[in-house]
């Protein structure tokens, strides 16, 4: 499940930040990947695709794509266990 989830997240990141999927690096800082509008669009897409809610308070702490990935995993895991 985690690999499938990671594929979905990676694909949406690539689409919204206009990156080739192979260049999506979870160590990349959000500000280096795209602007705040693109991040907002990505968050909406993740919420709709995965049926989750990513609270603004948690998103405020996201600095890297890896932080976003961990947040998504934490939100998906409770319903998947």
C-alpha atoms as a PDB file:
ATOM      1  CA  UNK A   1       0.000   0.000   0.000  1.00  0.00           C
ATOM      2  CA  UNK A   2       2.776   2.463   0.898  1.00  0.00           C
ATOM      3  CA  UNK A   3       4.447   1.982  -2.490  1.00  0.00           C
ATOM      4  CA  UNK A   4       1.154   2.613  -4.286  1.00  0.00           C
ATOM      5  CA  UNK A   5       0.497   5.660  -2.124  1.00  0.00           C
ATOM      6  CA  UNK A   6       3.992   6.961  -2.798  1.00  0.00           C
ATOM      7  CA  UNK A   7       3.424   6.520  -6.545  1.00  0.00           C
ATOM      8  CA  UNK A   8       0.194   8.532  -6.368  1.00  0.00           C
ATOM      9  CA  UNK A   9       1.805  11.279  -4.275  1.00  0.00           C
ATOM     10  CA  UNK A  10       4.899  11.409  -6.499  1.00  0.00           C
ATOM     11  CA  UNK A  11       2.713  11.607  -9.619  1.00  0.00           C
ATOM     12  CA  UNK A  12       0.619  14.467  -8.221  1.00  0.00           C
ATOM     13  CA  UNK A  13       3.737  16.351  -7.108  1.00  0.00           C
ATOM     14  CA  UNK A  14       5.214  15.985 -10.576  1.00  0.00           C
ATOM     15  CA  UNK A  15       2.007  17.174 -12.218  1.00  0.00           C
ATOM     16  CA  UNK A  16       1.442  20.222 -10.015  1.00  0.00           C
ATOM     17  CA  UNK A  17       5.076  21.322  -9.806  1.00  0.00           C
ATOM     18  CA  UNK A  18       5.646  20.556 -13.513  1.00  0.00           C
ATOM     19  CA  UNK A  19       8.538  18.167 -12.857  1.00  0.00           C
ATOM     20  CA  UNK A  20       9.378  14.860 -14.491  1.00  0.00           C
ATOM     21  CA  UNK A  21       8.374  12.116 -12.026  1.00  0.00           C
ATOM     22  CA  UNK A  22      11.977  10.915 -11.928  1.00  0.00           C
ATOM     23  CA  UNK A  23      13.074  14.321 -10.621  1.00  0.00           C
ATOM     24  CA  UNK A  24      10.689  14.361  -7.668  1.00  0.00           C
ATOM     25  CA  UNK A  25      13.012  14.208  -4.672  1.00  0.00           C
ATOM     26  CA  UNK A  26      11.406  14.108  -1.230  1.00  0.00           C
ATOM     27  CA  UNK A  27      14.444  15.965   0.157  1.00  0.00           C
ATOM     28  CA  UNK A  28      13.576  18.947  -2.080  1.00  0.00           C
ATOM     29  CA  UNK A  29      12.432  22.057  -0.259  1.00  0.00           C
ATOM     30  CA  UNK A  30       8.884  23.135  -1.112  1.00  0.00           C
ATOM     31  CA  UNK A  31      10.071  26.625  -2.078  1.00  0.00           C
ATOM     32  CA  UNK A  32      12.491  25.081  -4.598  1.00  0.00           C
ATOM     33  CA  UNK A  33       9.790  22.880  -6.112  1.00  0.00           C
ATOM     34  CA  UNK A  34       7.180  25.542  -6.808  1.00  0.00           C
ATOM     35  CA  UNK A  35       5.253  28.533  -5.569  1.00  0.00           C
ATOM     36  CA  UNK A  36       2.516  28.673  -2.952  1.00  0.00           C
ATOM     37  CA  UNK A  37      -0.262  28.532  -5.550  1.00  0.00           C
ATOM     38  CA  UNK A  38       1.105  25.279  -6.927  1.00  0.00           C
ATOM     39  CA  UNK A  39       1.392  23.918  -3.389  1.00  0.00           C
ATOM     40  CA  UNK A  40      -2.225  24.870  -2.680  1.00  0.00           C
ATOM     41  CA  UNK A  41      -3.368  23.144  -5.862  1.00  0.00           C
ATOM     42  CA  UNK A  42      -1.324  20.065  -4.934  1.00  0.00           C
ATOM     43  CA  UNK A  43      -2.853  19.920  -1.457  1.00  0.00           C
ATOM     44  CA  UNK A  44      -6.368  20.130  -2.904  1.00  0.00           C
ATOM     45  CA  UNK A  45      -5.550  17.376  -5.398  1.00  0.00           C
ATOM     46  CA  UNK A  46      -4.108  15.141  -2.655  1.00  0.00           C
ATOM     47  CA  UNK A  47      -7.146  15.691  -0.435  1.00  0.00           C
ATOM     48  CA  UNK A  48      -9.569  14.911  -3.251  1.00  0.00           C
ATOM     49  CA  UNK A  49      -7.661  11.911  -4.612  1.00  0.00           C
ATOM     50  CA  UNK A  50      -6.984  10.311  -1.230  1.00  0.00           C
ATOM     51  CA  UNK A  51     -10.115  11.384   0.653  1.00  0.00           C
ATOM     52  CA  UNK A  52      -8.116  13.028   3.443  1.00  0.00           C
ATOM     53  CA  UNK A  53      -7.916  16.459   5.061  1.00  0.00           C
ATOM     54  CA  UNK A  54      -4.537  18.138   5.484  1.00  0.00           C
ATOM     55  CA  UNK A  55      -4.970  20.779   8.204  1.00  0.00           C
ATOM     56  CA  UNK A  56      -3.480  24.221   7.632  1.00  0.00           C
ATOM     57  CA  UNK A  57      -1.708  23.982  10.992  1.00  0.00           C
ATOM     58  CA  UNK A  58       0.156  20.858   9.850  1.00  0.00           C
ATOM     59  CA  UNK A  59       0.873  22.274   6.384  1.00  0.00           C
ATOM     60  CA  UNK A  60       2.475  25.328   8.000  1.00  0.00           C
ATOM     61  CA  UNK A  61       5.222  23.019   9.315  1.00  0.00           C
ATOM     62  CA  UNK A  62       5.911  21.408   5.924  1.00  0.00           C
ATOM     63  CA  UNK A  63       9.299  22.479   4.582  1.00  0.00           C
ATOM     64  CA  UNK A  64      10.206  19.662   2.185  1.00  0.00           C
ATOM     65  CA  UNK A  65       8.370  17.295  -0.126  1.00  0.00           C
ATOM     66  CA  UNK A  66       9.341  14.598   2.382  1.00  0.00           C
ATOM     67  CA  UNK A  67       7.520  16.480   5.137  1.00  0.00           C
ATOM     68  CA  UNK A  68       4.449  16.563   2.918  1.00  0.00           C
ATOM     69  CA  UNK A  69       4.836  12.834   2.182  1.00  0.00           C
ATOM     70  CA  UNK A  70       5.017  12.045   5.921  1.00  0.00           C
ATOM     71  CA  UNK A  71       1.925  14.147   6.580  1.00  0.00           C
ATOM     72  CA  UNK A  72      -0.011  12.345   3.847  1.00  0.00           C
ATOM     73  CA  UNK A  73       1.120   8.945   5.169  1.00  0.00           C
ATOM     74  CA  UNK A  74      -0.008   9.848   8.684  1.00  0.00           C
ATOM     75  CA  UNK A  75      -3.447  10.901   7.421  1.00  0.00           C
ATOM     76  CA  UNK A  76      -3.928   7.822   5.236  1.00  0.00           C
ATOM     77  CA  UNK A  77      -2.561   5.247   7.715  1.00  0.00           C
ATOM     78  CA  UNK A  78      -5.349   5.395  10.331  1.00  0.00           C
ATOM     79  CA  UNK A  79      -8.006   4.471   7.767  1.00  0.00           C
ATOM     80  CA  UNK A  80      -5.780   1.813   6.206  1.00  0.00           C
ATOM     81  CA  UNK A  81      -5.023  -0.089   9.397  1.00  0.00           C
END
